[in-house]
Amino acid sequence: MAAHNDLGKEGESLAVDFLRRNGYAILETNWIYQKAEVDILARKDDLLAVIEVKTRSSIAMG
């Protein structure tokens, strides 16, 4: 796997950990529907969160 893919997986793992610590139930990761992919589907109470994770190796892009 390419280094940028490893970085992306690490970012998604950190996001899942953060969400769990903040009371979210993780419903799915890397959920695919037709040609679309969503990194994380999470729920907290009656809120459904659809999350796209963007991991950067520097702050150059914000």
C-alpha atoms as a PDB file:
ATOM      1  CA  MET A   1       0.000   0.000   0.000  1.00  0.00           C
ATOM      2  CA  ALA A   2       1.293   3.478  -0.862  1.00  0.00           C
ATOM      3  CA  ALA A   3       2.414   5.802   1.940  1.00  0.00           C
ATOM      4  CA  HIS A   4      -0.452   8.239   1.306  1.00  0.00           C
ATOM      5  CA  ASN A   5      -2.944   5.378   1.711  1.00  0.00           C
ATOM      6  CA  ASP A   6      -1.348   4.416   5.036  1.00  0.00           C
ATOM      7  CA  LEU A   7      -1.593   8.043   6.174  1.00  0.00           C
ATOM      8  CA  GLY A   8      -5.265   8.154   5.194  1.00  0.00           C
ATOM      9  CA  LYS A   9      -6.058   4.945   7.105  1.00  0.00           C
ATOM     10  CA  GLU A  10      -4.275   6.333  10.180  1.00  0.00           C
ATOM     11  CA  GLY A  11      -6.321   9.533   9.957  1.00  0.00           C
ATOM     12  CA  GLU A  12      -9.558   7.562   9.719  1.00  0.00           C
ATOM     13  CA  SER A  13      -8.554   5.470  12.732  1.00  0.00           C
ATOM     14  CA  LEU A  14      -7.831   8.614  14.764  1.00  0.00           C
ATOM     15  CA  ALA A  15     -11.201  10.068  13.733  1.00  0.00           C
ATOM     16  CA  VAL A  16     -13.028   6.888  14.821  1.00  0.00           C
ATOM     17  CA  ASP A  17     -11.238   6.965  18.192  1.00  0.00           C
ATOM     18  CA  PHE A  18     -12.154  10.636  18.650  1.00  0.00           C
ATOM     19  CA  LEU A  19     -15.798  10.022  17.818  1.00  0.00           C
ATOM     20  CA  ARG A  20     -16.047   7.049  20.191  1.00  0.00           C
ATOM     21  CA  ARG A  21     -14.483   9.062  23.032  1.00  0.00           C
ATOM     22  CA  ASN A  22     -17.137  11.715  22.404  1.00  0.00           C
ATOM     23  CA  GLY A  23     -20.085   9.350  22.628  1.00  0.00           C
ATOM     24  CA  TYR A  24     -20.674   8.407  18.993  1.00  0.00           C
ATOM     25  CA  ALA A  25     -21.536   4.881  17.909  1.00  0.00           C
ATOM     26  CA  ILE A  26     -19.678   3.944  14.730  1.00  0.00           C
ATOM     27  CA  LEU A  27     -22.172   2.393  12.316  1.00  0.00           C
ATOM     28  CA  GLU A  28     -19.894   1.825   9.314  1.00  0.00           C
ATOM     29  CA  THR A  29     -16.457   2.695   8.009  1.00  0.00           C
ATOM     30  CA  ASN A  30     -15.599   2.935   4.312  1.00  0.00           C
ATOM     31  CA  TRP A  31     -19.265   2.538   3.373  1.00  0.00           C
ATOM     32  CA  ILE A  32     -19.821   2.251  -0.380  1.00  0.00           C
ATOM     33  CA  TYR A  33     -22.996   2.924  -2.349  1.00  0.00           C
ATOM     34  CA  GLN A  34     -22.764   2.633  -6.127  1.00  0.00           C
ATOM     35  CA  LYS A  35     -19.699   4.803  -6.923  1.00  0.00           C
ATOM     36  CA  ALA A  36     -19.705   6.845  -3.703  1.00  0.00           C
ATOM     37  CA  GLU A  37     -17.677   6.084  -0.588  1.00  0.00           C
ATOM     38  CA  VAL A  38     -18.149   7.584   2.879  1.00  0.00           C
ATOM     39  CA  ASP A  39     -15.322   7.248   5.399  1.00  0.00           C
ATOM     40  CA  ILE A  40     -17.413   7.064   8.583  1.00  0.00           C
ATOM     41  CA  LEU A  41     -21.103   6.809   9.416  1.00  0.00           C
ATOM     42  CA  ALA A  42     -21.682   7.511  13.102  1.00  0.00           C
ATOM     43  CA  ARG A  43     -24.645   8.123  15.390  1.00  0.00           C
ATOM     44  CA  LYS A  44     -25.081  10.012  18.631  1.00  0.00           C
ATOM     45  CA  ASP A  45     -28.589  10.104  20.065  1.00  0.00           C
ATOM     46  CA  ASP A  46     -30.809  11.091  17.114  1.00  0.00           C
ATOM     47  CA  LEU A  47     -27.971  12.598  15.038  1.00  0.00           C
ATOM     48  CA  LEU A  48     -26.548  10.744  12.035  1.00  0.00           C
ATOM     49  CA  ALA A  49     -23.064  11.979  11.112  1.00  0.00           C
ATOM     50  CA  VAL A  50     -21.689  11.347   7.615  1.00  0.00           C
ATOM     51  CA  ILE A  51     -17.958  11.989   7.834  1.00  0.00           C
ATOM     52  CA  GLU A  52     -15.278  12.390   5.175  1.00  0.00           C
ATOM     53  CA  VAL A  53     -11.793  12.365   6.695  1.00  0.00           C
ATOM     54  CA  LYS A  54      -8.984  14.351   5.090  1.00  0.00           C
ATOM     55  CA  THR A  55      -5.563  13.655   6.577  1.00  0.00           C
ATOM     56  CA  ARG A  56      -2.646  15.954   5.861  1.00  0.00           C
ATOM     57  CA  SER A  57       1.034  15.365   6.496  1.00  0.00           C
ATOM     58  CA  SER A  58       1.605  19.124   6.930  1.00  0.00           C
ATOM     59  CA  ILE A  59      -0.427  22.269   7.587  1.00  0.00           C
ATOM     60  CA  ALA A  60       0.338  23.615   4.087  1.00  0.00           C
ATOM     61  CA  MET A  61      -3.231  22.985   2.858  1.00  0.00           C
ATOM     62  CA  GLY A  62      -4.922  24.358   5.959  1.00  0.00           C
END
